[in-house]
Amino acid sequence: MRYVWEGMPPDYNRINTLDIVWFVSHIITGTLIVALATLQFNKNFRNRNIATHRLFGKLYVFYSIISVLILWFDIIPRGDACCAVLPKQ
């Protein structure tokens, strides 16, 4: 969330609010995917809470699709999909 308060680093080529919203949305959905995966693929949780497991599975797929679509249509076309690992940072 630092990018919302302090602004985007200049290497990210994100200058308007909509660009920042898409980027932060991608980060948030990715975080939700990882959080849901810890429960979704846990055998003990699955056996005890089958209804919740199914709900989390649907949310996992939904957030995965949203995150990939944001990546595909907003981040990759700019050519800055891997800017976080550039050696100049």
PDB file of N, CA and C in Angstrom:
ATOM      1  N   MET A   1       0.815  -1.191   0.000  1.00  0.00           N
ATOM      2  CA  MET A   1       0.000   0.000   0.000  1.00  0.00           C
ATOM      3  C   MET A   1       0.866   1.266   0.000  1.00  0.00           C
ATOM      4  N   ARG A   2       2.163   1.093   0.136  1.00  0.00           N
ATOM      5  CA  ARG A   2       3.068   2.234   0.137  1.00  0.00           C
ATOM      6  C   ARG A   2       2.924   3.051  -1.145  1.00  0.00           C
ATOM      7  N   TYR A   3       2.627   2.359  -2.254  1.00  0.00           N
ATOM      8  CA  TYR A   3       2.525   3.045  -3.537  1.00  0.00           C
ATOM      9  C   TYR A   3       1.341   4.012  -3.569  1.00  0.00           C
ATOM     10  N   VAL A   4       0.326   3.741  -2.796  1.00  0.00           N
ATOM     11  CA  VAL A   4      -0.834   4.627  -2.771  1.00  0.00           C
ATOM     12  C   VAL A   4      -0.487   5.917  -2.043  1.00  0.00           C
ATOM     13  N   TRP A   5       0.230   5.824  -0.942  1.00  0.00           N
ATOM     14  CA  TRP A   5       0.535   6.999  -0.137  1.00  0.00           C
ATOM     15  C   TRP A   5       1.721   7.780  -0.692  1.00  0.00           C
ATOM     16  N   GLU A   6       2.797   7.095  -1.041  1.00  0.00           N
ATOM     17  CA  GLU A   6       4.018   7.776  -1.450  1.00  0.00           C
ATOM     18  C   GLU A   6       4.117   7.976  -2.961  1.00  0.00           C
ATOM     19  N   GLY A   7       3.245   7.348  -3.711  1.00  0.00           N
ATOM     20  CA  GLY A   7       3.331   7.441  -5.171  1.00  0.00           C
ATOM     21  C   GLY A   7       4.165   6.305  -5.733  1.00  0.00           C
ATOM     22  N   MET A   8       4.010   6.089  -7.010  1.00  0.00           N
ATOM     23  CA  MET A   8       4.709   5.001  -7.679  1.00  0.00           C
ATOM     24  C   MET A   8       6.144   5.414  -7.986  1.00  0.00           C
ATOM     25  N   PRO A   9       7.074   4.455  -7.924  1.00  0.00           N
ATOM     26  CA  PRO A   9       8.436   4.769  -8.370  1.00  0.00           C
ATOM     27  C   PRO A   9       8.417   5.143  -9.858  1.00  0.00           C
ATOM     28  N   PRO A  10       9.314   5.996 -10.303  1.00  0.00           N
ATOM     29  CA  PRO A  10       9.289   6.434 -11.699  1.00  0.00           C
ATOM     30  C   PRO A  10       9.487   5.297 -12.695  1.00  0.00           C
ATOM     31  N   ASP A  11      10.135   4.219 -12.292  1.00  0.00           N
ATOM     32  CA  ASP A  11      10.363   3.089 -13.195  1.00  0.00           C
ATOM     33  C   ASP A  11       9.074   2.359 -13.547  1.00  0.00           C
ATOM     34  N   TYR A  12       8.029   2.540 -12.788  1.00  0.00           N
ATOM     35  CA  TYR A  12       6.785   1.802 -13.015  1.00  0.00           C
ATOM     36  C   TYR A  12       5.910   2.416 -14.098  1.00  0.00           C
ATOM     37  N   ASN A  13       6.237   3.591 -14.574  1.00  0.00           N
ATOM     38  CA  ASN A  13       5.495   4.264 -15.640  1.00  0.00           C
ATOM     39  C   ASN A  13       4.004   4.400 -15.321  1.00  0.00           C
ATOM     40  N   ARG A  14       3.676   4.682 -14.110  1.00  0.00           N
ATOM     41  CA  ARG A  14       2.278   4.831 -13.709  1.00  0.00           C
ATOM     42  C   ARG A  14       2.096   6.243 -13.177  1.00  0.00           C
ATOM     43  N   ILE A  15       1.374   7.054 -13.928  1.00  0.00           N
ATOM     44  CA  ILE A  15       1.290   8.454 -13.548  1.00  0.00           C
ATOM     45  C   ILE A  15      -0.113   8.909 -13.183  1.00  0.00           C
ATOM     46  N   ASN A  16      -1.139   8.198 -13.605  1.00  0.00           N
ATOM     47  CA  ASN A  16      -2.485   8.656 -13.252  1.00  0.00           C
ATOM     48  C   ASN A  16      -3.139   7.701 -12.258  1.00  0.00           C
ATOM     49  N   THR A  17      -4.242   8.125 -11.714  1.00  0.00           N
ATOM     50  CA  THR A  17      -4.909   7.377 -10.652  1.00  0.00           C
ATOM     51  C   THR A  17      -5.408   6.021 -11.124  1.00  0.00           C
ATOM     52  N   LEU A  18      -5.926   5.945 -12.334  1.00  0.00           N
ATOM     53  CA  LEU A  18      -6.435   4.673 -12.834  1.00  0.00           C
ATOM     54  C   LEU A  18      -5.326   3.626 -12.950  1.00  0.00           C
ATOM     55  N   ASP A  19      -4.138   4.040 -13.386  1.00  0.00           N
ATOM     56  CA  ASP A  19      -3.014   3.109 -13.452  1.00  0.00           C
ATOM     57  C   ASP A  19      -2.663   2.572 -12.076  1.00  0.00           C
ATOM     58  N   ILE A  20      -2.688   3.435 -11.085  1.00  0.00           N
ATOM     59  CA  ILE A  20      -2.370   3.016  -9.724  1.00  0.00           C
ATOM     60  C   ILE A  20      -3.446   2.073  -9.198  1.00  0.00           C
ATOM     61  N   VAL A  21      -4.721   2.354  -9.512  1.00  0.00           N
ATOM     62  CA  VAL A  21      -5.818   1.481  -9.074  1.00  0.00           C
ATOM     63  C   VAL A  21      -5.648   0.083  -9.652  1.00  0.00           C
ATOM     64  N   TRP A  22      -5.328  -0.015 -10.952  1.00  0.00           N
ATOM     65  CA  TRP A  22      -5.134  -1.333 -11.566  1.00  0.00           C
ATOM     66  C   TRP A  22      -3.967  -2.064 -10.923  1.00  0.00           C
ATOM     67  N   PHE A  23      -2.869  -1.356 -10.693  1.00  0.00           N
ATOM     68  CA  PHE A  23      -1.692  -1.987 -10.107  1.00  0.00           C
ATOM     69  C   PHE A  23      -1.976  -2.483  -8.690  1.00  0.00           C
ATOM     70  N   VAL A  24      -2.586  -1.634  -7.874  1.00  0.00           N
ATOM     71  CA  VAL A  24      -2.897  -2.021  -6.496  1.00  0.00           C
ATOM     72  C   VAL A  24      -3.935  -3.151  -6.482  1.00  0.00           C
ATOM     73  N   SER A  25      -4.887  -3.128  -7.409  1.00  0.00           N
ATOM     74  CA  SER A  25      -5.871  -4.217  -7.501  1.00  0.00           C
ATOM     75  C   SER A  25      -5.191  -5.537  -7.818  1.00  0.00           C
ATOM     76  N   HIS A  26      -4.197  -5.505  -8.673  1.00  0.00           N
ATOM     77  CA  HIS A  26      -3.445  -6.723  -8.994  1.00  0.00           C
ATOM     78  C   HIS A  26      -2.717  -7.247  -7.757  1.00  0.00           C
ATOM     79  N   ILE A  27      -2.126  -6.365  -6.992  1.00  0.00           N
ATOM     80  CA  ILE A  27      -1.406  -6.766  -5.782  1.00  0.00           C
ATOM     81  C   ILE A  27      -2.377  -7.327  -4.743  1.00  0.00           C
ATOM     82  N   ILE A  28      -3.519  -6.684  -4.559  1.00  0.00           N
ATOM     83  CA  ILE A  28      -4.504  -7.142  -3.569  1.00  0.00           C
ATOM     84  C   ILE A  28      -5.078  -8.497  -3.959  1.00  0.00           C
ATOM     85  N   THR A  29      -5.449  -8.674  -5.234  1.00  0.00           N
ATOM     86  CA  THR A  29      -5.996  -9.970  -5.637  1.00  0.00           C
ATOM     87  C   THR A  29      -4.938 -11.065  -5.526  1.00  0.00           C
ATOM     88  N   GLY A  30      -3.691 -10.746  -5.826  1.00  0.00           N
ATOM     89  CA  GLY A  30      -2.622 -11.734  -5.653  1.00  0.00           C
ATOM     90  C   GLY A  30      -2.440 -12.131  -4.195  1.00  0.00           C
ATOM     91  N   THR A  31      -2.551 -11.168  -3.307  1.00  0.00           N
ATOM     92  CA  THR A  31      -2.455 -11.464  -1.872  1.00  0.00           C
ATOM     93  C   THR A  31      -3.613 -12.336  -1.412  1.00  0.00           C
ATOM     94  N   LEU A  32      -4.811 -12.044  -1.903  1.00  0.00           N
ATOM     95  CA  LEU A  32      -5.966 -12.879  -1.556  1.00  0.00           C
ATOM     96  C   LEU A  32      -5.811 -14.299  -2.091  1.00  0.00           C
ATOM     97  N   ILE A  33      -5.238 -14.444  -3.271  1.00  0.00           N
ATOM     98  CA  ILE A  33      -5.008 -15.770  -3.839  1.00  0.00           C
ATOM     99  C   ILE A  33      -4.084 -16.584  -2.939  1.00  0.00           C
ATOM    100  N   VAL A  34      -3.008 -15.967  -2.500  1.00  0.00           N
ATOM    101  CA  VAL A  34      -2.063 -16.679  -1.631  1.00  0.00           C
ATOM    102  C   VAL A  34      -2.718 -17.031  -0.293  1.00  0.00           C
ATOM    103  N   ALA A  35      -3.485 -16.092   0.268  1.00  0.00           N
ATOM    104  CA  ALA A  35      -4.158 -16.359   1.550  1.00  0.00           C
ATOM    105  C   ALA A  35      -5.183 -17.481   1.409  1.00  0.00           C
ATOM    106  N   LEU A  36      -5.955 -17.458   0.338  1.00  0.00           N
ATOM    107  CA  LEU A  36      -6.952 -18.512   0.135  1.00  0.00           C
ATOM    108  C   LEU A  36      -6.288 -19.849  -0.158  1.00  0.00           C
ATOM    109  N   ALA A  37      -5.162 -19.839  -0.842  1.00  0.00           N
ATOM    110  CA  ALA A  37      -4.481 -21.095  -1.171  1.00  0.00           C
ATOM    111  C   ALA A  37      -4.011 -21.820   0.082  1.00  0.00           C
ATOM    112  N   THR A  38      -3.629 -21.072   1.106  1.00  0.00           N
ATOM    113  CA  THR A  38      -3.174 -21.737   2.331  1.00  0.00           C
ATOM    114  C   THR A  38      -4.294 -22.556   2.963  1.00  0.00           C
ATOM    115  N   LEU A  39      -5.529 -22.077   2.858  1.00  0.00           N
ATOM    116  CA  LEU A  39      -6.660 -22.837   3.385  1.00  0.00           C
ATOM    117  C   LEU A  39      -7.217 -23.821   2.359  1.00  0.00           C
ATOM    118  N   GLN A  40      -7.210 -23.425   1.104  1.00  0.00           N
ATOM    119  CA  GLN A  40      -7.805 -24.249   0.065  1.00  0.00           C
ATOM    120  C   GLN A  40      -7.086 -25.587  -0.084  1.00  0.00           C
ATOM    121  N   PHE A  41      -5.792 -25.592   0.057  1.00  0.00           N
ATOM    122  CA  PHE A  41      -5.018 -26.807  -0.157  1.00  0.00           C
ATOM    123  C   PHE A  41      -4.596 -27.474   1.148  1.00  0.00           C
ATOM    124  N   ASN A  42      -5.211 -27.100   2.247  1.00  0.00           N
ATOM    125  CA  ASN A  42      -4.949 -27.717   3.541  1.00  0.00           C
ATOM    126  C   ASN A  42      -5.943 -28.862   3.743  1.00  0.00           C
ATOM    127  N   LYS A  43      -5.430 -30.080   3.873  1.00  0.00           N
ATOM    128  CA  LYS A  43      -6.288 -31.264   3.969  1.00  0.00           C
ATOM    129  C   LYS A  43      -7.177 -31.234   5.211  1.00  0.00           C
ATOM    130  N   ASN A  44      -6.656 -30.814   6.342  1.00  0.00           N
ATOM    131  CA  ASN A  44      -7.452 -30.772   7.568  1.00  0.00           C
ATOM    132  C   ASN A  44      -8.613 -29.782   7.454  1.00  0.00           C
ATOM    133  N   PHE A  45      -8.339 -28.615   6.915  1.00  0.00           N
ATOM    134  CA  PHE A  45      -9.401 -27.619   6.729  1.00  0.00           C
ATOM    135  C   PHE A  45     -10.456 -28.133   5.764  1.00  0.00           C
ATOM    136  N   ARG A  46     -10.017 -28.753   4.689  1.00  0.00           N
ATOM    137  CA  ARG A  46     -10.953 -29.272   3.682  1.00  0.00           C
ATOM    138  C   ARG A  46     -11.872 -30.337   4.285  1.00  0.00           C
ATOM    139  N   ASN A  47     -11.341 -31.230   5.077  1.00  0.00           N
ATOM    140  CA  ASN A  47     -12.156 -32.313   5.646  1.00  0.00           C
ATOM    141  C   ASN A  47     -13.152 -31.821   6.689  1.00  0.00           C
ATOM    142  N   ARG A  48     -12.791 -30.792   7.425  1.00  0.00           N
ATOM    143  CA  ARG A  48     -13.683 -30.299   8.479  1.00  0.00           C
ATOM    144  C   ARG A  48     -14.721 -29.301   7.975  1.00  0.00           C
ATOM    145  N   ASN A  49     -14.401 -28.544   6.956  1.00  0.00           N
ATOM    146  CA  ASN A  49     -15.261 -27.447   6.490  1.00  0.00           C
ATOM    147  C   ASN A  49     -15.470 -27.541   4.983  1.00  0.00           C
ATOM    148  N   ILE A  50     -16.205 -28.520   4.534  1.00  0.00           N
ATOM    149  CA  ILE A  50     -16.338 -28.747   3.100  1.00  0.00           C
ATOM    150  C   ILE A  50     -17.072 -27.597   2.399  1.00  0.00           C
ATOM    151  N   ALA A  51     -18.094 -27.029   3.029  1.00  0.00           N
ATOM    152  CA  ALA A  51     -18.824 -25.918   2.400  1.00  0.00           C
ATOM    153  C   ALA A  51     -17.929 -24.685   2.269  1.00  0.00           C
ATOM    154  N   THR A  52     -17.179 -24.381   3.300  1.00  0.00           N
ATOM    155  CA  THR A  52     -16.261 -23.242   3.249  1.00  0.00           C
ATOM    156  C   THR A  52     -15.141 -23.512   2.256  1.00  0.00           C
ATOM    157  N   HIS A  53     -14.683 -24.746   2.203  1.00  0.00           N
ATOM    158  CA  HIS A  53     -13.654 -25.130   1.246  1.00  0.00           C
ATOM    159  C   HIS A  53     -14.138 -24.878  -0.189  1.00  0.00           C
ATOM    160  N   ARG A  54     -15.372 -25.218  -0.473  1.00  0.00           N
ATOM    161  CA  ARG A  54     -15.917 -24.999  -1.812  1.00  0.00           C
ATOM    162  C   ARG A  54     -16.072 -23.508  -2.114  1.00  0.00           C
ATOM    163  N   LEU A  55     -16.517 -22.737  -1.128  1.00  0.00           N
ATOM    164  CA  LEU A  55     -16.621 -21.293  -1.300  1.00  0.00           C
ATOM    165  C   LEU A  55     -15.248 -20.685  -1.569  1.00  0.00           C
ATOM    166  N   PHE A  56     -14.250 -21.070  -0.781  1.00  0.00           N
ATOM    167  CA  PHE A  56     -12.901 -20.558  -0.973  1.00  0.00           C
ATOM    168  C   PHE A  56     -12.337 -20.975  -2.324  1.00  0.00           C
ATOM    169  N   GLY A  57     -12.706 -22.148  -2.792  1.00  0.00           N
ATOM    170  CA  GLY A  57     -12.265 -22.592  -4.111  1.00  0.00           C
ATOM    171  C   GLY A  57     -12.821 -21.704  -5.202  1.00  0.00           C
ATOM    172  N   LYS A  58     -14.084 -21.339  -5.087  1.00  0.00           N
ATOM    173  CA  LYS A  58     -14.698 -20.441  -6.075  1.00  0.00           C
ATOM    174  C   LYS A  58     -14.067 -19.055  -6.019  1.00  0.00           C
ATOM    175  N   LEU A  59     -13.815 -18.554  -4.804  1.00  0.00           N
ATOM    176  CA  LEU A  59     -13.151 -17.257  -4.658  1.00  0.00           C
ATOM    177  C   LEU A  59     -11.724 -17.310  -5.200  1.00  0.00           C
ATOM    178  N   TYR A  60     -11.040 -18.420  -4.967  1.00  0.00           N
ATOM    179  CA  TYR A  60      -9.675 -18.600  -5.462  1.00  0.00           C
ATOM    180  C   TYR A  60      -9.636 -18.501  -6.983  1.00  0.00           C
ATOM    181  N   VAL A  61     -10.556 -19.188  -7.644  1.00  0.00           N
ATOM    182  CA  VAL A  61     -10.608 -19.140  -9.110  1.00  0.00           C
ATOM    183  C   VAL A  61     -10.987 -17.738  -9.584  1.00  0.00           C
ATOM    184  N   PHE A  62     -11.969 -17.123  -8.952  1.00  0.00           N
ATOM    185  CA  PHE A  62     -12.405 -15.775  -9.340  1.00  0.00           C
ATOM    186  C   PHE A  62     -11.267 -14.772  -9.223  1.00  0.00           C
ATOM    187  N   TYR A  63     -10.597 -14.734  -8.070  1.00  0.00           N
ATOM    188  CA  TYR A  63      -9.507 -13.777  -7.871  1.00  0.00           C
ATOM    189  C   TYR A  63      -8.323 -14.086  -8.781  1.00  0.00           C
ATOM    190  N   SER A  64      -8.082 -15.352  -9.076  1.00  0.00           N
ATOM    191  CA  SER A  64      -7.008 -15.707 -10.005  1.00  0.00           C
ATOM    192  C   SER A  64      -7.290 -15.155 -11.389  1.00  0.00           C
ATOM    193  N   ILE A  65      -8.521 -15.310 -11.850  1.00  0.00           N
ATOM    194  CA  ILE A  65      -8.888 -14.803 -13.170  1.00  0.00           C
ATOM    195  C   ILE A  65      -8.764 -13.278 -13.207  1.00  0.00           C
ATOM    196  N   ILE A  66      -9.256 -12.608 -12.184  1.00  0.00           N
ATOM    197  CA  ILE A  66      -9.173 -11.143 -12.129  1.00  0.00           C
ATOM    198  C   ILE A  66      -7.717 -10.687 -12.141  1.00  0.00           C
ATOM    199  N   SER A  67      -6.881 -11.325 -11.336  1.00  0.00           N
ATOM    200  CA  SER A  67      -5.476 -10.938 -11.257  1.00  0.00           C
ATOM    201  C   SER A  67      -4.762 -11.142 -12.588  1.00  0.00           C
ATOM    202  N   VAL A  68      -5.035 -12.262 -13.251  1.00  0.00           N
ATOM    203  CA  VAL A  68      -4.400 -12.530 -14.543  1.00  0.00           C
ATOM    204  C   VAL A  68      -4.900 -11.555 -15.612  1.00  0.00           C
ATOM    205  N   LEU A  69      -6.185 -11.226 -15.583  1.00  0.00           N
ATOM    206  CA  LEU A  69      -6.712 -10.268 -16.560  1.00  0.00           C
ATOM    207  C   LEU A  69      -6.089  -8.885 -16.381  1.00  0.00           C
ATOM    208  N   ILE A  70      -5.921  -8.463 -15.137  1.00  0.00           N
ATOM    209  CA  ILE A  70      -5.261  -7.176 -14.884  1.00  0.00           C
ATOM    210  C   ILE A  70      -3.827  -7.230 -15.398  1.00  0.00           C
ATOM    211  N   LEU A  71      -3.144  -8.321 -15.129  1.00  0.00           N
ATOM    212  CA  LEU A  71      -1.774  -8.486 -15.613  1.00  0.00           C
ATOM    213  C   LEU A  71      -1.733  -8.463 -17.127  1.00  0.00           C
ATOM    214  N   TRP A  72      -2.637  -9.197 -17.752  1.00  0.00           N
ATOM    215  CA  TRP A  72      -2.631  -9.348 -19.205  1.00  0.00           C
ATOM    216  C   TRP A  72      -2.977  -8.051 -19.935  1.00  0.00           C
ATOM    217  N   PHE A  73      -3.963  -7.313 -19.432  1.00  0.00           N
ATOM    218  CA  PHE A  73      -4.438  -6.136 -20.154  1.00  0.00           C
ATOM    219  C   PHE A  73      -3.831  -4.819 -19.694  1.00  0.00           C
ATOM    220  N   ASP A  74      -3.223  -4.781 -18.525  1.00  0.00           N
ATOM    221  CA  ASP A  74      -2.697  -3.506 -18.038  1.00  0.00           C
ATOM    222  C   ASP A  74      -1.187  -3.516 -17.839  1.00  0.00           C
ATOM    223  N   ILE A  75      -0.651  -4.538 -17.240  1.00  0.00           N
ATOM    224  CA  ILE A  75       0.760  -4.504 -16.863  1.00  0.00           C
ATOM    225  C   ILE A  75       1.665  -4.967 -18.005  1.00  0.00           C
ATOM    226  N   ILE A  76       1.356  -6.080 -18.640  1.00  0.00           N
ATOM    227  CA  ILE A  76       2.218  -6.618 -19.696  1.00  0.00           C
ATOM    228  C   ILE A  76       2.302  -5.700 -20.918  1.00  0.00           C
ATOM    229  N   PRO A  77       1.188  -5.133 -21.421  1.00  0.00           N
ATOM    230  CA  PRO A  77       1.310  -4.283 -22.618  1.00  0.00           C
ATOM    231  C   PRO A  77       2.229  -3.075 -22.448  1.00  0.00           C
ATOM    232  N   ARG A  78       2.445  -2.639 -21.237  1.00  0.00           N
ATOM    233  CA  ARG A  78       3.332  -1.499 -20.992  1.00  0.00           C
ATOM    234  C   ARG A  78       4.800  -1.901 -21.061  1.00  0.00           C
ATOM    235  N   GLY A  79       5.069  -3.184 -20.976  1.00  0.00           N
ATOM    236  CA  GLY A  79       6.449  -3.639 -20.983  1.00  0.00           C
ATOM    237  C   GLY A  79       7.116  -3.558 -19.632  1.00  0.00           C
ATOM    238  N   ASP A  80       6.343  -3.361 -18.572  1.00  0.00           N
ATOM    239  CA  ASP A  80       6.949  -3.234 -17.249  1.00  0.00           C
ATOM    240  C   ASP A  80       6.513  -4.355 -16.313  1.00  0.00           C
ATOM    241  N   ALA A  81       6.289  -5.547 -16.858  1.00  0.00           N
ATOM    242  CA  ALA A  81       5.830  -6.657 -16.028  1.00  0.00           C
ATOM    243  C   ALA A  81       6.886  -7.109 -15.036  1.00  0.00           C
ATOM    244  N   CYS A  82       8.143  -6.930 -15.345  1.00  0.00           N
ATOM    245  CA  CYS A  82       9.212  -7.391 -14.471  1.00  0.00           C
ATOM    246  C   CYS A  82      10.056  -6.245 -13.942  1.00  0.00           C
ATOM    247  N   CYS A  83       9.496  -5.068 -13.834  1.00  0.00           N
ATOM    248  CA  CYS A  83      10.279  -3.913 -13.408  1.00  0.00           C
ATOM    249  C   CYS A  83      10.720  -4.020 -11.952  1.00  0.00           C
ATOM    250  N   ALA A  84      10.077  -4.865 -11.167  1.00  0.00           N
ATOM    251  CA  ALA A  84      10.445  -4.981  -9.759  1.00  0.00           C
ATOM    252  C   ALA A  84      11.783  -5.676  -9.567  1.00  0.00           C
ATOM    253  N   VAL A  85      12.252  -6.371 -10.571  1.00  0.00           N
ATOM    254  CA  VAL A  85      13.519  -7.095 -10.430  1.00  0.00           C
ATOM    255  C   VAL A  85      14.636  -6.489 -11.272  1.00  0.00           C
ATOM    256  N   LEU A  86      14.456  -5.257 -11.716  1.00  0.00           N
ATOM    257  CA  LEU A  86      15.495  -4.606 -12.488  1.00  0.00           C
ATOM    258  C   LEU A  86      16.730  -4.354 -11.625  1.00  0.00           C
ATOM    259  N   PRO A  87      17.925  -4.515 -12.165  1.00  0.00           N
ATOM    260  CA  PRO A  87      19.131  -4.360 -11.343  1.00  0.00           C
ATOM    261  C   PRO A  87      19.366  -2.928 -10.856  1.00  0.00           C
ATOM    262  N   LYS A  88      18.763  -1.920 -11.476  1.00  0.00           N
ATOM    263  CA  LYS A  88      19.021  -0.539 -11.064  1.00  0.00           C
ATOM    264  C   LYS A  88      18.272  -0.155  -9.792  1.00  0.00           C
ATOM    265  N   GLN A  89      17.448  -1.027  -9.276  1.00  0.00           N
ATOM    266  CA  GLN A  89      16.705  -0.666  -8.074  1.00  0.00           C
ATOM    267  C   GLN A  89      17.471  -1.022  -6.840  1.00  0.00           C
TER     268      GLN A  89
END
